[in-house]
Amino acid sequence: MIEVTVRKDEIKVSGHADYAVHGSDIVCAGITALTQTLIKSIKDLTDDKIEYEISPGRVDIKYGNLSEKSKTLVDSFFIGICMIADEFPEYIRIM
C-alpha cells in the first residue's frame, strides 16, 4: 500500500501499491508521475526552495513558506492523489 502524507511543510509518499507486477503497476506509475511532476513544477515554475529525496518506494519533500503558485501546485497534486485513491482505495492511503 502507498501512504501519502500532506502537511503544511512537507509531503511524504511511501510504499508500493502492489496492484500489479513491478513495471506494470498503474497505481505506482500514477503516484510517481504526480509526485515527480510536483517537484519539477515547483522548481521550474516558481522561485520557491524545496528539499526532496527520492528513493525506491519513498519520496520526501520539505518546504517552508510557499508562494500562492506553489500552493496551487500542491493542491493540484493532492487532487490527483485523491482521484487515484478514490479509484483504487485498497492500494493507497492518504494520511
PDB file of N, CA and C in Angstrom:
ATOM      1  N   MET A   1       0.840  -1.183   0.000  1.00  0.00           N
ATOM      2  CA  MET A   1       0.000   0.000   0.000  1.00  0.00           C
ATOM      3  C   MET A   1       0.884   1.244   0.000  1.00  0.00           C
ATOM      4  N   ILE A   2       0.463   2.231  -0.753  1.00  0.00           N
ATOM      5  CA  ILE A   2       1.152   3.524  -0.777  1.00  0.00           C
ATOM      6  C   ILE A   2       0.490   4.437   0.241  1.00  0.00           C
ATOM      7  N   GLU A   3       1.295   5.095   1.062  1.00  0.00           N
ATOM      8  CA  GLU A   3       0.785   6.073   2.012  1.00  0.00           C
ATOM      9  C   GLU A   3       1.282   7.454   1.589  1.00  0.00           C
ATOM     10  N   VAL A   4       0.365   8.400   1.536  1.00  0.00           N
ATOM     11  CA  VAL A   4       0.684   9.777   1.168  1.00  0.00           C
ATOM     12  C   VAL A   4       0.298  10.680   2.342  1.00  0.00           C
ATOM     13  N   THR A   5       1.263  11.453   2.804  1.00  0.00           N
ATOM     14  CA  THR A   5       1.032  12.397   3.892  1.00  0.00           C
ATOM     15  C   THR A   5       1.301  13.798   3.368  1.00  0.00           C
ATOM     16  N   VAL A   6       0.322  14.675   3.454  1.00  0.00           N
ATOM     17  CA  VAL A   6       0.479  16.066   3.033  1.00  0.00           C
ATOM     18  C   VAL A   6       0.292  16.935   4.270  1.00  0.00           C
ATOM     19  N   ARG A   7       1.336  17.662   4.625  1.00  0.00           N
ATOM     20  CA  ARG A   7       1.318  18.566   5.775  1.00  0.00           C
ATOM     21  C   ARG A   7       1.632  19.976   5.272  1.00  0.00           C
ATOM     22  N   LYS A   8       1.558  20.960   6.174  1.00  0.00           N
ATOM     23  CA  LYS A   8       1.793  22.344   5.744  1.00  0.00           C
ATOM     24  C   LYS A   8       3.239  22.580   5.313  1.00  0.00           C
ATOM     25  N   ASP A   9       4.190  21.743   5.767  1.00  0.00           N
ATOM     26  CA  ASP A   9       5.592  21.957   5.409  1.00  0.00           C
ATOM     27  C   ASP A   9       6.275  20.744   4.788  1.00  0.00           C
ATOM     28  N   GLU A  10       5.498  19.687   4.494  1.00  0.00           N
ATOM     29  CA  GLU A  10       6.115  18.506   3.885  1.00  0.00           C
ATOM     30  C   GLU A  10       5.081  17.600   3.237  1.00  0.00           C
ATOM     31  N   ILE A  11       5.585  16.807   2.309  1.00  0.00           N
ATOM     32  CA  ILE A  11       4.809  15.750   1.680  1.00  0.00           C
ATOM     33  C   ILE A  11       5.670  14.499   1.739  1.00  0.00           C
ATOM     34  N   LYS A  12       5.061  13.394   2.165  1.00  0.00           N
ATOM     35  CA  LYS A  12       5.759  12.120   2.196  1.00  0.00           C
ATOM     36  C   LYS A  12       4.932  11.097   1.437  1.00  0.00           C
ATOM     37  N   VAL A  13       5.603  10.359   0.583  1.00  0.00           N
ATOM     38  CA  VAL A  13       4.973   9.274  -0.162  1.00  0.00           C
ATOM     39  C   VAL A  13       5.830   8.040   0.087  1.00  0.00           C
ATOM     40  N   SER A  14       5.207   6.960   0.551  1.00  0.00           N
ATOM     41  CA  SER A  14       5.998   5.765   0.839  1.00  0.00           C
ATOM     42  C   SER A  14       5.208   4.504   0.533  1.00  0.00           C
ATOM     43  N   GLY A  15       5.941   3.466   0.197  1.00  0.00           N
ATOM     44  CA  GLY A  15       5.357   2.156  -0.042  1.00  0.00           C
ATOM     45  C   GLY A  15       5.182   1.842  -1.512  1.00  0.00           C
ATOM     46  N   HIS A  16       4.623   0.674  -1.740  1.00  0.00           N
ATOM     47  CA  HIS A  16       4.332   0.202  -3.092  1.00  0.00           C
ATOM     48  C   HIS A  16       2.877  -0.255  -3.123  1.00  0.00           C
ATOM     49  N   ALA A  17       2.214   0.007  -4.212  1.00  0.00           N
ATOM     50  CA  ALA A  17       0.799  -0.346  -4.316  1.00  0.00           C
ATOM     51  C   ALA A  17       0.602  -1.860  -4.395  1.00  0.00           C
ATOM     52  N   ASP A  18       1.482  -2.543  -5.110  1.00  0.00           N
ATOM     53  CA  ASP A  18       1.327  -3.977  -5.367  1.00  0.00           C
ATOM     54  C   ASP A  18       0.026  -4.280  -6.095  1.00  0.00           C
ATOM     55  N   TYR A  19      -0.381  -3.342  -6.936  1.00  0.00           N
ATOM     56  CA  TYR A  19      -1.561  -3.542  -7.777  1.00  0.00           C
ATOM     57  C   TYR A  19      -1.253  -4.539  -8.891  1.00  0.00           C
ATOM     58  N   ALA A  20      -0.030  -4.485  -9.396  1.00  0.00           N
ATOM     59  CA  ALA A  20       0.417  -5.383 -10.460  1.00  0.00           C
ATOM     60  C   ALA A  20       1.919  -5.581 -10.296  1.00  0.00           C
ATOM     61  N   VAL A  21       2.487  -6.430 -11.141  1.00  0.00           N
ATOM     62  CA  VAL A  21       3.922  -6.702 -11.057  1.00  0.00           C
ATOM     63  C   VAL A  21       4.713  -5.433 -11.355  1.00  0.00           C
ATOM     64  N   HIS A  22       5.926  -5.382 -10.795  1.00  0.00           N
ATOM     65  CA  HIS A  22       6.813  -4.237 -10.999  1.00  0.00           C
ATOM     66  C   HIS A  22       6.955  -3.956 -12.495  1.00  0.00           C
ATOM     67  N   GLY A  23       6.791  -2.702 -12.869  1.00  0.00           N
ATOM     68  CA  GLY A  23       6.870  -2.306 -14.269  1.00  0.00           C
ATOM     69  C   GLY A  23       5.521  -2.236 -14.956  1.00  0.00           C
ATOM     70  N   SER A  24       4.501  -2.806 -14.332  1.00  0.00           N
ATOM     71  CA  SER A  24       3.148  -2.788 -14.902  1.00  0.00           C
ATOM     72  C   SER A  24       2.123  -2.218 -13.935  1.00  0.00           C
ATOM     73  N   ASP A  25       2.582  -1.666 -12.830  1.00  0.00           N
ATOM     74  CA  ASP A  25       1.687  -1.191 -11.770  1.00  0.00           C
ATOM     75  C   ASP A  25       1.224   0.233 -12.073  1.00  0.00           C
ATOM     76  N   ILE A  26      -0.017   0.368 -12.540  1.00  0.00           N
ATOM     77  CA  ILE A  26      -0.524   1.683 -12.931  1.00  0.00           C
ATOM     78  C   ILE A  26      -0.751   2.597 -11.733  1.00  0.00           C
ATOM     79  N   VAL A  27      -1.009   2.027 -10.565  1.00  0.00           N
ATOM     80  CA  VAL A  27      -1.199   2.857  -9.373  1.00  0.00           C
ATOM     81  C   VAL A  27       0.128   3.501  -8.992  1.00  0.00           C
ATOM     82  N   CYS A  28       1.187   2.703  -8.915  1.00  0.00           N
ATOM     83  CA  CYS A  28       2.515   3.254  -8.612  1.00  0.00           C
ATOM     84  C   CYS A  28       2.939   4.266  -9.676  1.00  0.00           C
ATOM     85  N   ALA A  29       2.682   3.942 -10.924  1.00  0.00           N
ATOM     86  CA  ALA A  29       3.069   4.844 -12.008  1.00  0.00           C
ATOM     87  C   ALA A  29       2.349   6.183 -11.893  1.00  0.00           C
ATOM     88  N   GLY A  30       1.074   6.157 -11.572  1.00  0.00           N
ATOM     89  CA  GLY A  30       0.313   7.397 -11.429  1.00  0.00           C
ATOM     90  C   GLY A  30       0.817   8.254 -10.278  1.00  0.00           C
ATOM     91  N   ILE A  31       1.063   7.631  -9.136  1.00  0.00           N
ATOM     92  CA  ILE A  31       1.566   8.366  -7.971  1.00  0.00           C
ATOM     93  C   ILE A  31       2.953   8.918  -8.257  1.00  0.00           C
ATOM     94  N   THR A  32       3.797   8.123  -8.891  1.00  0.00           N
ATOM     95  CA  THR A  32       5.146   8.573  -9.239  1.00  0.00           C
ATOM     96  C   THR A  32       5.100   9.762 -10.189  1.00  0.00           C
ATOM     97  N   ALA A  33       4.256   9.676 -11.196  1.00  0.00           N
ATOM     98  CA  ALA A  33       4.149  10.778 -12.163  1.00  0.00           C
ATOM     99  C   ALA A  33       3.685  12.061 -11.482  1.00  0.00           C
ATOM    100  N   LEU A  34       2.681  11.968 -10.624  1.00  0.00           N
ATOM    101  CA  LEU A  34       2.198  13.160  -9.923  1.00  0.00           C
ATOM    102  C   LEU A  34       3.273  13.754  -9.018  1.00  0.00           C
ATOM    103  N   THR A  35       3.985  12.896  -8.300  1.00  0.00           N
ATOM    104  CA  THR A  35       4.996  13.358  -7.350  1.00  0.00           C
ATOM    105  C   THR A  35       6.174  14.011  -8.069  1.00  0.00           C
ATOM    106  N   GLN A  36       6.672  13.368  -9.106  1.00  0.00           N
ATOM    107  CA  GLN A  36       7.801  13.940  -9.841  1.00  0.00           C
ATOM    108  C   GLN A  36       7.411  15.217 -10.571  1.00  0.00           C
ATOM    109  N   THR A  37       6.178  15.280 -11.067  1.00  0.00           N
ATOM    110  CA  THR A  37       5.707  16.499 -11.723  1.00  0.00           C
ATOM    111  C   THR A  37       5.592  17.638 -10.722  1.00  0.00           C
ATOM    112  N   LEU A  38       5.133  17.349  -9.509  1.00  0.00           N
ATOM    113  CA  LEU A  38       5.052  18.387  -8.473  1.00  0.00           C
ATOM    114  C   LEU A  38       6.435  18.961  -8.186  1.00  0.00           C
ATOM    115  N   ILE A  39       7.414  18.105  -7.976  1.00  0.00           N
ATOM    116  CA  ILE A  39       8.777  18.564  -7.677  1.00  0.00           C
ATOM    117  C   ILE A  39       9.311  19.430  -8.815  1.00  0.00           C
ATOM    118  N   LYS A  40       9.225  18.927 -10.027  1.00  0.00           N
ATOM    119  CA  LYS A  40       9.761  19.649 -11.191  1.00  0.00           C
ATOM    120  C   LYS A  40       9.005  20.957 -11.422  1.00  0.00           C
ATOM    121  N   SER A  41       7.700  20.960 -11.212  1.00  0.00           N
ATOM    122  CA  SER A  41       6.903  22.167 -11.422  1.00  0.00           C
ATOM    123  C   SER A  41       7.265  23.255 -10.420  1.00  0.00           C
ATOM    124  N   ILE A  42       7.413  22.898  -9.158  1.00  0.00           N
ATOM    125  CA  ILE A  42       7.798  23.896  -8.162  1.00  0.00           C
ATOM    126  C   ILE A  42       9.183  24.443  -8.483  1.00  0.00           C
ATOM    127  N   LYS A  43      10.107  23.562  -8.877  1.00  0.00           N
ATOM    128  CA  LYS A  43      11.465  24.012  -9.198  1.00  0.00           C
ATOM    129  C   LYS A  43      11.499  24.907 -10.439  1.00  0.00           C
ATOM    130  N   ASP A  44      10.752  24.539 -11.474  1.00  0.00           N
ATOM    131  CA  ASP A  44      10.836  25.247 -12.754  1.00  0.00           C
ATOM    132  C   ASP A  44       9.889  26.447 -12.871  1.00  0.00           C
ATOM    133  N   LEU A  45       8.775  26.414 -12.174  1.00  0.00           N
ATOM    134  CA  LEU A  45       7.755  27.442 -12.367  1.00  0.00           C
ATOM    135  C   LEU A  45       7.678  28.470 -11.249  1.00  0.00           C
ATOM    136  N   THR A  46       8.436  28.246 -10.175  1.00  0.00           N
ATOM    137  CA  THR A  46       8.404  29.183  -9.055  1.00  0.00           C
ATOM    138  C   THR A  46       9.827  29.477  -8.588  1.00  0.00           C
ATOM    139  N   ASP A  47       9.944  30.447  -7.709  1.00  0.00           N
ATOM    140  CA  ASP A  47      11.229  30.751  -7.078  1.00  0.00           C
ATOM    141  C   ASP A  47      11.342  30.105  -5.703  1.00  0.00           C
ATOM    142  N   ASP A  48      10.353  29.298  -5.332  1.00  0.00           N
ATOM    143  CA  ASP A  48      10.350  28.659  -4.020  1.00  0.00           C
ATOM    144  C   ASP A  48      11.451  27.604  -3.929  1.00  0.00           C
ATOM    145  N   LYS A  49      11.963  27.449  -2.735  1.00  0.00           N
ATOM    146  CA  LYS A  49      13.007  26.461  -2.469  1.00  0.00           C
ATOM    147  C   LYS A  49      12.378  25.259  -1.771  1.00  0.00           C
ATOM    148  N   ILE A  50      12.668  24.085  -2.296  1.00  0.00           N
ATOM    149  CA  ILE A  50      12.220  22.861  -1.653  1.00  0.00           C
ATOM    150  C   ILE A  50      13.415  21.925  -1.516  1.00  0.00           C
ATOM    151  N   GLU A  51      13.321  21.033  -0.575  1.00  0.00           N
ATOM    152  CA  GLU A  51      14.285  19.951  -0.428  1.00  0.00           C
ATOM    153  C   GLU A  51      13.524  18.660  -0.670  1.00  0.00           C
ATOM    154  N   TYR A  52      14.147  17.730  -1.369  1.00  0.00           N
ATOM    155  CA  TYR A  52      13.465  16.472  -1.618  1.00  0.00           C
ATOM    156  C   TYR A  52      14.474  15.339  -1.716  1.00  0.00           C
ATOM    157  N   GLU A  53      13.993  14.162  -1.423  1.00  0.00           N
ATOM    158  CA  GLU A  53      14.797  12.949  -1.539  1.00  0.00           C
ATOM    159  C   GLU A  53      13.913  11.884  -2.157  1.00  0.00           C
ATOM    160  N   ILE A  54      14.420  11.277  -3.215  1.00  0.00           N
ATOM    161  CA  ILE A  54      13.683  10.229  -3.904  1.00  0.00           C
ATOM    162  C   ILE A  54      14.489   8.937  -3.810  1.00  0.00           C
ATOM    163  N   SER A  55      13.849   7.880  -3.362  1.00  0.00           N
ATOM    164  CA  SER A  55      14.470   6.560  -3.327  1.00  0.00           C
ATOM    165  C   SER A  55      13.380   5.536  -3.663  1.00  0.00           C
ATOM    166  N   PRO A  56      13.742   4.315  -3.984  1.00  0.00           N
ATOM    167  CA  PRO A  56      12.704   3.333  -4.335  1.00  0.00           C
ATOM    168  C   PRO A  56      11.653   3.202  -3.230  1.00  0.00           C
ATOM    169  N   GLY A  57      10.423   3.437  -3.589  1.00  0.00           N
ATOM    170  CA  GLY A  57       9.325   3.314  -2.646  1.00  0.00           C
ATOM    171  C   GLY A  57       9.172   4.465  -1.674  1.00  0.00           C
ATOM    172  N   ARG A  58       9.877   5.573  -1.914  1.00  0.00           N
ATOM    173  CA  ARG A  58       9.794   6.684  -0.962  1.00  0.00           C
ATOM    174  C   ARG A  58      10.158   8.013  -1.617  1.00  0.00           C
ATOM    175  N   VAL A  59       9.379   9.051  -1.296  1.00  0.00           N
ATOM    176  CA  VAL A  59       9.698  10.432  -1.676  1.00  0.00           C
ATOM    177  C   VAL A  59       9.383  11.311  -0.475  1.00  0.00           C
ATOM    178  N   ASP A  60      10.346  12.126  -0.096  1.00  0.00           N
ATOM    179  CA  ASP A  60      10.153  13.111   0.970  1.00  0.00           C
ATOM    180  C   ASP A  60      10.397  14.489   0.377  1.00  0.00           C
ATOM    181  N   ILE A  61       9.428  15.381   0.535  1.00  0.00           N
ATOM    182  CA  ILE A  61       9.540  16.751   0.052  1.00  0.00           C
ATOM    183  C   ILE A  61       9.333  17.670   1.254  1.00  0.00           C
ATOM    184  N   LYS A  62      10.268  18.589   1.466  1.00  0.00           N
ATOM    185  CA  LYS A  62      10.156  19.551   2.566  1.00  0.00           C
ATOM    186  C   LYS A  62      10.225  20.955   1.996  1.00  0.00           C
ATOM    187  N   TYR A  63       9.437  21.834   2.577  1.00  0.00           N
ATOM    188  CA  TYR A  63       9.400  23.217   2.106  1.00  0.00           C
ATOM    189  C   TYR A  63       9.006  24.133   3.255  1.00  0.00           C
ATOM    190  N   GLY A  64       9.274  25.405   3.057  1.00  0.00           N
ATOM    191  CA  GLY A  64       8.901  26.416   4.053  1.00  0.00           C
ATOM    192  C   GLY A  64       7.659  27.134   3.594  1.00  0.00           C
ATOM    193  N   ASN A  65       7.738  28.450   3.567  1.00  0.00           N
ATOM    194  CA  ASN A  65       6.606  29.261   3.111  1.00  0.00           C
ATOM    195  C   ASN A  65       6.520  29.188   1.595  1.00  0.00           C
ATOM    196  N   LEU A  66       5.441  28.630   1.114  1.00  0.00           N
ATOM    197  CA  LEU A  66       5.260  28.508  -0.329  1.00  0.00           C
ATOM    198  C   LEU A  66       4.498  29.705  -0.885  1.00  0.00           C
ATOM    199  N   SER A  67       4.832  30.061  -2.112  1.00  0.00           N
ATOM    200  CA  SER A  67       4.084  31.094  -2.824  1.00  0.00           C
ATOM    201  C   SER A  67       2.694  30.551  -3.159  1.00  0.00           C
ATOM    202  N   GLU A  68       1.817  31.444  -3.565  1.00  0.00           N
ATOM    203  CA  GLU A  68       0.474  31.018  -3.960  1.00  0.00           C
ATOM    204  C   GLU A  68       0.538  30.047  -5.143  1.00  0.00           C
ATOM    205  N   LYS A  69       1.474  30.288  -6.049  1.00  0.00           N
ATOM    206  CA  LYS A  69       1.618  29.401  -7.207  1.00  0.00           C
ATOM    207  C   LYS A  69       1.983  27.984  -6.758  1.00  0.00           C
ATOM    208  N   SER A  70       2.942  27.874  -5.833  1.00  0.00           N
ATOM    209  CA  SER A  70       3.330  26.550  -5.334  1.00  0.00           C
ATOM    210  C   SER A  70       2.202  25.896  -4.548  1.00  0.00           C
ATOM    211  N   LYS A  71       1.473  26.696  -3.786  1.00  0.00           N
ATOM    212  CA  LYS A  71       0.335  26.144  -3.047  1.00  0.00           C
ATOM    213  C   LYS A  71      -0.692  25.561  -4.010  1.00  0.00           C
ATOM    214  N   THR A  72      -0.890  26.232  -5.129  1.00  0.00           N
ATOM    215  CA  THR A  72      -1.816  25.728  -6.144  1.00  0.00           C
ATOM    216  C   THR A  72      -1.291  24.425  -6.736  1.00  0.00           C
ATOM    217  N   LEU A  73       0.014  24.345  -6.963  1.00  0.00           N
ATOM    218  CA  LEU A  73       0.608  23.107  -7.470  1.00  0.00           C
ATOM    219  C   LEU A  73       0.436  21.962  -6.479  1.00  0.00           C
ATOM    220  N   VAL A  74       0.631  22.236  -5.189  1.00  0.00           N
ATOM    221  CA  VAL A  74       0.432  21.215  -4.159  1.00  0.00           C
ATOM    222  C   VAL A  74      -1.045  20.802  -4.111  1.00  0.00           C
ATOM    223  N   ASP A  75      -1.943  21.773  -4.214  1.00  0.00           N
ATOM    224  CA  ASP A  75      -3.377  21.453  -4.229  1.00  0.00           C
ATOM    225  C   ASP A  75      -3.723  20.560  -5.424  1.00  0.00           C
ATOM    226  N   SER A  76      -3.150  20.867  -6.580  1.00  0.00           N
ATOM    227  CA  SER A  76      -3.391  20.066  -7.773  1.00  0.00           C
ATOM    228  C   SER A  76      -2.847  18.644  -7.586  1.00  0.00           C
ATOM    229  N   PHE A  77      -1.656  18.529  -7.007  1.00  0.00           N
ATOM    230  CA  PHE A  77      -1.074  17.218  -6.682  1.00  0.00           C
ATOM    231  C   PHE A  77      -2.043  16.438  -5.793  1.00  0.00           C
ATOM    232  N   PHE A  78      -2.555  17.097  -4.761  1.00  0.00           N
ATOM    233  CA  PHE A  78      -3.444  16.436  -3.811  1.00  0.00           C
ATOM    234  C   PHE A  78      -4.746  15.996  -4.492  1.00  0.00           C
ATOM    235  N   ILE A  79      -5.269  16.804  -5.391  1.00  0.00           N
ATOM    236  CA  ILE A  79      -6.474  16.417  -6.143  1.00  0.00           C
ATOM    237  C   ILE A  79      -6.198  15.147  -6.935  1.00  0.00           C
ATOM    238  N   GLY A  80      -5.058  15.090  -7.614  1.00  0.00           N
ATOM    239  CA  GLY A  80      -4.695  13.891  -8.380  1.00  0.00           C
ATOM    240  C   GLY A  80      -4.537  12.669  -7.498  1.00  0.00           C
ATOM    241  N   ILE A  81      -3.895  12.838  -6.349  1.00  0.00           N
ATOM    242  CA  ILE A  81      -3.730  11.726  -5.406  1.00  0.00           C
ATOM    243  C   ILE A  81      -5.098  11.229  -4.940  1.00  0.00           C
ATOM    244  N   CYS A  82      -5.984  12.155  -4.608  1.00  0.00           N
ATOM    245  CA  CYS A  82      -7.332  11.779  -4.158  1.00  0.00           C
ATOM    246  C   CYS A  82      -8.105  11.041  -5.244  1.00  0.00           C
ATOM    247  N   MET A  83      -7.933  11.451  -6.489  1.00  0.00           N
ATOM    248  CA  MET A  83      -8.612  10.765  -7.592  1.00  0.00           C
ATOM    249  C   MET A  83      -8.139   9.322  -7.704  1.00  0.00           C
ATOM    250  N   ILE A  84      -6.827   9.111  -7.579  1.00  0.00           N
ATOM    251  CA  ILE A  84      -6.298   7.743  -7.633  1.00  0.00           C
ATOM    252  C   ILE A  84      -6.776   6.953  -6.418  1.00  0.00           C
ATOM    253  N   ALA A  85      -6.772   7.575  -5.238  1.00  0.00           N
ATOM    254  CA  ALA A  85      -7.229   6.897  -4.021  1.00  0.00           C
ATOM    255  C   ALA A  85      -8.708   6.513  -4.128  1.00  0.00           C
ATOM    256  N   ASP A  86      -9.520   7.357  -4.748  1.00  0.00           N
ATOM    257  CA  ASP A  86     -10.940   7.040  -4.932  1.00  0.00           C
ATOM    258  C   ASP A  86     -11.121   5.849  -5.865  1.00  0.00           C
ATOM    259  N   GLU A  87     -10.279   5.767  -6.872  1.00  0.00           N
ATOM    260  CA  GLU A  87     -10.378   4.689  -7.864  1.00  0.00           C
ATOM    261  C   GLU A  87      -9.787   3.374  -7.350  1.00  0.00           C
ATOM    262  N   PHE A  88      -8.737   3.474  -6.531  1.00  0.00           N
ATOM    263  CA  PHE A  88      -8.027   2.292  -6.038  1.00  0.00           C
ATOM    264  C   PHE A  88      -7.828   2.384  -4.518  1.00  0.00           C
ATOM    265  N   PRO A  89      -8.909   2.422  -3.749  1.00  0.00           N
ATOM    266  CA  PRO A  89      -8.799   2.675  -2.300  1.00  0.00           C
ATOM    267  C   PRO A  89      -8.021   1.621  -1.525  1.00  0.00           C
ATOM    268  N   GLU A  90      -7.942   0.423  -2.042  1.00  0.00           N
ATOM    269  CA  GLU A  90      -7.214  -0.621  -1.323  1.00  0.00           C
ATOM    270  C   GLU A  90      -5.710  -0.575  -1.559  1.00  0.00           C
ATOM    271  N   TYR A  91      -5.262   0.361  -2.415  1.00  0.00           N
ATOM    272  CA  TYR A  91      -3.840   0.446  -2.752  1.00  0.00           C
ATOM    273  C   TYR A  91      -3.168   1.742  -2.327  1.00  0.00           C
ATOM    274  N   ILE A  92      -3.940   2.712  -1.887  1.00  0.00           N
ATOM    275  CA  ILE A  92      -3.371   3.993  -1.486  1.00  0.00           C
ATOM    276  C   ILE A  92      -4.135   4.535  -0.275  1.00  0.00           C
ATOM    277  N   ARG A  93      -3.381   5.065   0.670  1.00  0.00           N
ATOM    278  CA  ARG A  93      -3.980   5.643   1.877  1.00  0.00           C
ATOM    279  C   ARG A  93      -3.455   7.059   2.028  1.00  0.00           C
ATOM    280  N   ILE A  94      -4.362   7.992   2.263  1.00  0.00           N
ATOM    281  CA  ILE A  94      -3.987   9.382   2.499  1.00  0.00           C
ATOM    282  C   ILE A  94      -3.992   9.590   4.006  1.00  0.00           C
ATOM    283  N   MET A  95      -2.876  10.047   4.507  1.00  0.00           N
ATOM    284  CA  MET A  95      -2.710  10.216   5.968  1.00  0.00           C
ATOM    285  C   MET A  95      -2.947  11.659   6.361  1.00  0.00           C
TER     286      MET A  95
END
